[in-house]
Amino acid sequence: MTTPPDLGPAPDFTLTDTAGRTVRLSDYTGRRHVVLVFNRGFS
């Protein structure tokens, strides 16, 4: 297994969480790890 190339920081973006609050990626600047999960839905 190879490691993917480092493409630099992700661009800032805004999402709505499950409680309806707006969250930005930049809200987590300085934290050690951020995990993003994108669910494509159930099929």
PDB file of N, CA and C in Angstrom:
ATOM      1  N   MET A   1       0.843  -1.163   0.000  1.00  0.00           N
ATOM      2  CA  MET A   1       0.000   0.000   0.000  1.00  0.00           C
ATOM      3  C   MET A   1       0.894   1.233   0.000  1.00  0.00           C
ATOM      4  N   THR A   2       0.564   2.205  -0.820  1.00  0.00           N
ATOM      5  CA  THR A   2       1.346   3.435  -0.874  1.00  0.00           C
ATOM      6  C   THR A   2       0.601   4.559  -0.165  1.00  0.00           C
ATOM      7  N   THR A   3       1.353   5.529   0.270  1.00  0.00           N
ATOM      8  CA  THR A   3       0.774   6.701   0.918  1.00  0.00           C
ATOM      9  C   THR A   3       0.400   7.715  -0.146  1.00  0.00           C
ATOM     10  N   PRO A   4      -0.816   8.288  -0.069  1.00  0.00           N
ATOM     11  CA  PRO A   4      -1.188   9.297  -1.061  1.00  0.00           C
ATOM     12  C   PRO A   4      -0.333  10.550  -0.891  1.00  0.00           C
ATOM     13  N   PRO A   5      -0.172  11.325  -1.949  1.00  0.00           N
ATOM     14  CA  PRO A   5       0.652  12.531  -1.852  1.00  0.00           C
ATOM     15  C   PRO A   5      -0.005  13.581  -0.954  1.00  0.00           C
ATOM     16  N   ASP A   6       0.825  14.384  -0.312  1.00  0.00           N
ATOM     17  CA  ASP A   6       0.326  15.486   0.510  1.00  0.00           C
ATOM     18  C   ASP A   6      -0.017  16.638  -0.421  1.00  0.00           C
ATOM     19  N   LEU A   7      -1.274  16.987  -0.490  1.00  0.00           N
ATOM     20  CA  LEU A   7      -1.724  18.058  -1.379  1.00  0.00           C
ATOM     21  C   LEU A   7      -1.887  19.388  -0.654  1.00  0.00           C
ATOM     22  N   GLY A   8      -1.430  19.446   0.590  1.00  0.00           N
ATOM     23  CA  GLY A   8      -1.522  20.684   1.350  1.00  0.00           C
ATOM     24  C   GLY A   8      -2.828  20.756   2.119  1.00  0.00           C
ATOM     25  N   PRO A   9      -3.082  21.894   2.736  1.00  0.00           N
ATOM     26  CA  PRO A   9      -4.287  22.029   3.550  1.00  0.00           C
ATOM     27  C   PRO A   9      -5.557  22.028   2.697  1.00  0.00           C
ATOM     28  N   ALA A  10      -6.611  21.514   3.272  1.00  0.00           N
ATOM     29  CA  ALA A  10      -7.910  21.524   2.592  1.00  0.00           C
ATOM     30  C   ALA A  10      -8.463  22.947   2.586  1.00  0.00           C
ATOM     31  N   PRO A  11      -9.206  23.315   1.556  1.00  0.00           N
ATOM     32  CA  PRO A  11      -9.827  24.639   1.549  1.00  0.00           C
ATOM     33  C   PRO A  11     -10.908  24.720   2.624  1.00  0.00           C
ATOM     34  N   ASP A  12     -11.131  25.906   3.143  1.00  0.00           N
ATOM     35  CA  ASP A  12     -12.170  26.088   4.153  1.00  0.00           C
ATOM     36  C   ASP A  12     -13.537  25.861   3.518  1.00  0.00           C
ATOM     37  N   PHE A  13     -14.436  25.231   4.253  1.00  0.00           N
ATOM     38  CA  PHE A  13     -15.801  25.029   3.776  1.00  0.00           C
ATOM     39  C   PHE A  13     -16.738  25.023   4.970  1.00  0.00           C
ATOM     40  N   THR A  14     -18.027  25.156   4.690  1.00  0.00           N
ATOM     41  CA  THR A  14     -19.054  25.222   5.720  1.00  0.00           C
ATOM     42  C   THR A  14     -20.063  24.110   5.506  1.00  0.00           C
ATOM     43  N   LEU A  15     -20.448  23.453   6.604  1.00  0.00           N
ATOM     44  CA  LEU A  15     -21.461  22.403   6.577  1.00  0.00           C
ATOM     45  C   LEU A  15     -22.439  22.627   7.721  1.00  0.00           C
ATOM     46  N   THR A  16     -23.579  21.987   7.641  1.00  0.00           N
ATOM     47  CA  THR A  16     -24.547  22.008   8.733  1.00  0.00           C
ATOM     48  C   THR A  16     -24.481  20.663   9.444  1.00  0.00           C
ATOM     49  N   ASP A  17     -24.326  20.702  10.780  1.00  0.00           N
ATOM     50  CA  ASP A  17     -24.251  19.436  11.512  1.00  0.00           C
ATOM     51  C   ASP A  17     -25.650  18.883  11.765  1.00  0.00           C
ATOM     52  N   THR A  18     -25.724  17.743  12.421  1.00  0.00           N
ATOM     53  CA  THR A  18     -27.011  17.081  12.626  1.00  0.00           C
ATOM     54  C   THR A  18     -27.937  17.836  13.568  1.00  0.00           C
ATOM     55  N   ALA A  19     -27.397  18.804  14.309  1.00  0.00           N
ATOM     56  CA  ALA A  19     -28.209  19.633  15.198  1.00  0.00           C
ATOM     57  C   ALA A  19     -28.637  20.930  14.522  1.00  0.00           C
ATOM     58  N   GLY A  20     -28.263  21.104  13.245  1.00  0.00           N
ATOM     59  CA  GLY A  20     -28.646  22.299  12.503  1.00  0.00           C
ATOM     60  C   GLY A  20     -27.688  23.469  12.654  1.00  0.00           C
ATOM     61  N   ARG A  21     -26.561  23.263  13.331  1.00  0.00           N
ATOM     62  CA  ARG A  21     -25.581  24.336  13.517  1.00  0.00           C
ATOM     63  C   ARG A  21     -24.617  24.380  12.340  1.00  0.00           C
ATOM     64  N   THR A  22     -24.187  25.580  11.992  1.00  0.00           N
ATOM     65  CA  THR A  22     -23.201  25.757  10.931  1.00  0.00           C
ATOM     66  C   THR A  22     -21.806  25.535  11.506  1.00  0.00           C
ATOM     67  N   VAL A  23     -21.027  24.717  10.820  1.00  0.00           N
ATOM     68  CA  VAL A  23     -19.666  24.392  11.254  1.00  0.00           C
ATOM     69  C   VAL A  23     -18.729  24.628  10.083  1.00  0.00           C
ATOM     70  N   ARG A  24     -17.605  25.277  10.350  1.00  0.00           N
ATOM     71  CA  ARG A  24     -16.586  25.510   9.322  1.00  0.00           C
ATOM     72  C   ARG A  24     -15.358  24.669   9.631  1.00  0.00           C
ATOM     73  N   LEU A  25     -14.671  24.269   8.596  1.00  0.00           N
ATOM     74  CA  LEU A  25     -13.422  23.546   8.809  1.00  0.00           C
ATOM     75  C   LEU A  25     -12.451  24.415   9.603  1.00  0.00           C
ATOM     76  N   SER A  26     -12.444  25.710   9.353  1.00  0.00           N
ATOM     77  CA  SER A  26     -11.528  26.612  10.061  1.00  0.00           C
ATOM     78  C   SER A  26     -11.828  26.691  11.560  1.00  0.00           C
ATOM     79  N   ASP A  27     -13.017  26.253  11.999  1.00  0.00           N
ATOM     80  CA  ASP A  27     -13.320  26.198  13.431  1.00  0.00           C
ATOM     81  C   ASP A  27     -12.387  25.226  14.150  1.00  0.00           C
ATOM     82  N   TYR A  28     -11.770  24.321  13.410  1.00  0.00           N
ATOM     83  CA  TYR A  28     -10.924  23.291  13.991  1.00  0.00           C
ATOM     84  C   TYR A  28      -9.439  23.549  13.766  1.00  0.00           C
ATOM     85  N   THR A  29      -9.088  24.758  13.325  1.00  0.00           N
ATOM     86  CA  THR A  29      -7.685  25.112  13.129  1.00  0.00           C
ATOM     87  C   THR A  29      -6.933  24.975  14.450  1.00  0.00           C
ATOM     88  N   GLY A  30      -5.784  24.329  14.390  1.00  0.00           N
ATOM     89  CA  GLY A  30      -4.968  24.146  15.582  1.00  0.00           C
ATOM     90  C   GLY A  30      -5.227  22.848  16.315  1.00  0.00           C
ATOM     91  N   ARG A  31      -6.295  22.161  15.973  1.00  0.00           N
ATOM     92  CA  ARG A  31      -6.539  20.853  16.584  1.00  0.00           C
ATOM     93  C   ARG A  31      -5.686  19.822  15.865  1.00  0.00           C
ATOM     94  N   ARG A  32      -5.339  18.797  16.566  1.00  0.00           N
ATOM     95  CA  ARG A  32      -4.401  17.819  16.014  1.00  0.00           C
ATOM     96  C   ARG A  32      -5.006  16.993  14.890  1.00  0.00           C
ATOM     97  N   HIS A  33      -6.214  16.496  15.052  1.00  0.00           N
ATOM     98  CA  HIS A  33      -6.817  15.639  14.035  1.00  0.00           C
ATOM     99  C   HIS A  33      -8.258  16.064  13.773  1.00  0.00           C
ATOM    100  N   VAL A  34      -8.633  16.035  12.526  1.00  0.00           N
ATOM    101  CA  VAL A  34     -10.019  16.263  12.121  1.00  0.00           C
ATOM    102  C   VAL A  34     -10.390  15.125  11.186  1.00  0.00           C
ATOM    103  N   VAL A  35     -11.501  14.460  11.457  1.00  0.00           N
ATOM    104  CA  VAL A  35     -11.964  13.359  10.616  1.00  0.00           C
ATOM    105  C   VAL A  35     -13.235  13.805   9.907  1.00  0.00           C
ATOM    106  N   LEU A  36     -13.230  13.697   8.590  1.00  0.00           N
ATOM    107  CA  LEU A  36     -14.402  14.050   7.793  1.00  0.00           C
ATOM    108  C   LEU A  36     -15.007  12.775   7.240  1.00  0.00           C
ATOM    109  N   VAL A  37     -16.314  12.632   7.397  1.00  0.00           N
ATOM    110  CA  VAL A  37     -17.017  11.460   6.884  1.00  0.00           C
ATOM    111  C   VAL A  37     -18.135  11.946   5.984  1.00  0.00           C
ATOM    112  N   PHE A  38     -18.146  11.478   4.758  1.00  0.00           N
ATOM    113  CA  PHE A  38     -19.187  11.830   3.804  1.00  0.00           C
ATOM    114  C   PHE A  38     -19.972  10.572   3.480  1.00  0.00           C
ATOM    115  N   ASN A  39     -21.213  10.527   3.915  1.00  0.00           N
ATOM    116  CA  ASN A  39     -22.069   9.378   3.666  1.00  0.00           C
ATOM    117  C   ASN A  39     -22.807   9.591   2.354  1.00  0.00           C
ATOM    118  N   ARG A  40     -22.627   8.695   1.418  1.00  0.00           N
ATOM    119  CA  ARG A  40     -23.276   8.816   0.111  1.00  0.00           C
ATOM    120  C   ARG A  40     -24.722   8.364   0.159  1.00  0.00           C
ATOM    121  N   GLY A  41     -25.187   7.898   1.276  1.00  0.00           N
ATOM    122  CA  GLY A  41     -26.564   7.445   1.411  1.00  0.00           C
ATOM    123  C   GLY A  41     -26.653   5.933   1.405  1.00  0.00           C
ATOM    124  N   PHE A  42     -27.827   5.464   1.681  1.00  0.00           N
ATOM    125  CA  PHE A  42     -28.072   4.026   1.725  1.00  0.00           C
ATOM    126  C   PHE A  42     -28.664   3.582   0.409  1.00  0.00           C
ATOM    127  N   SER A  43     -28.203   2.474  -0.095  1.00  0.00           N
ATOM    128  CA  SER A  43     -28.769   1.962  -1.346  1.00  0.00           C
ATOM    129  C   SER A  43     -28.944   0.458  -1.272  1.00  0.00           C
TER     130      SER A  43
END
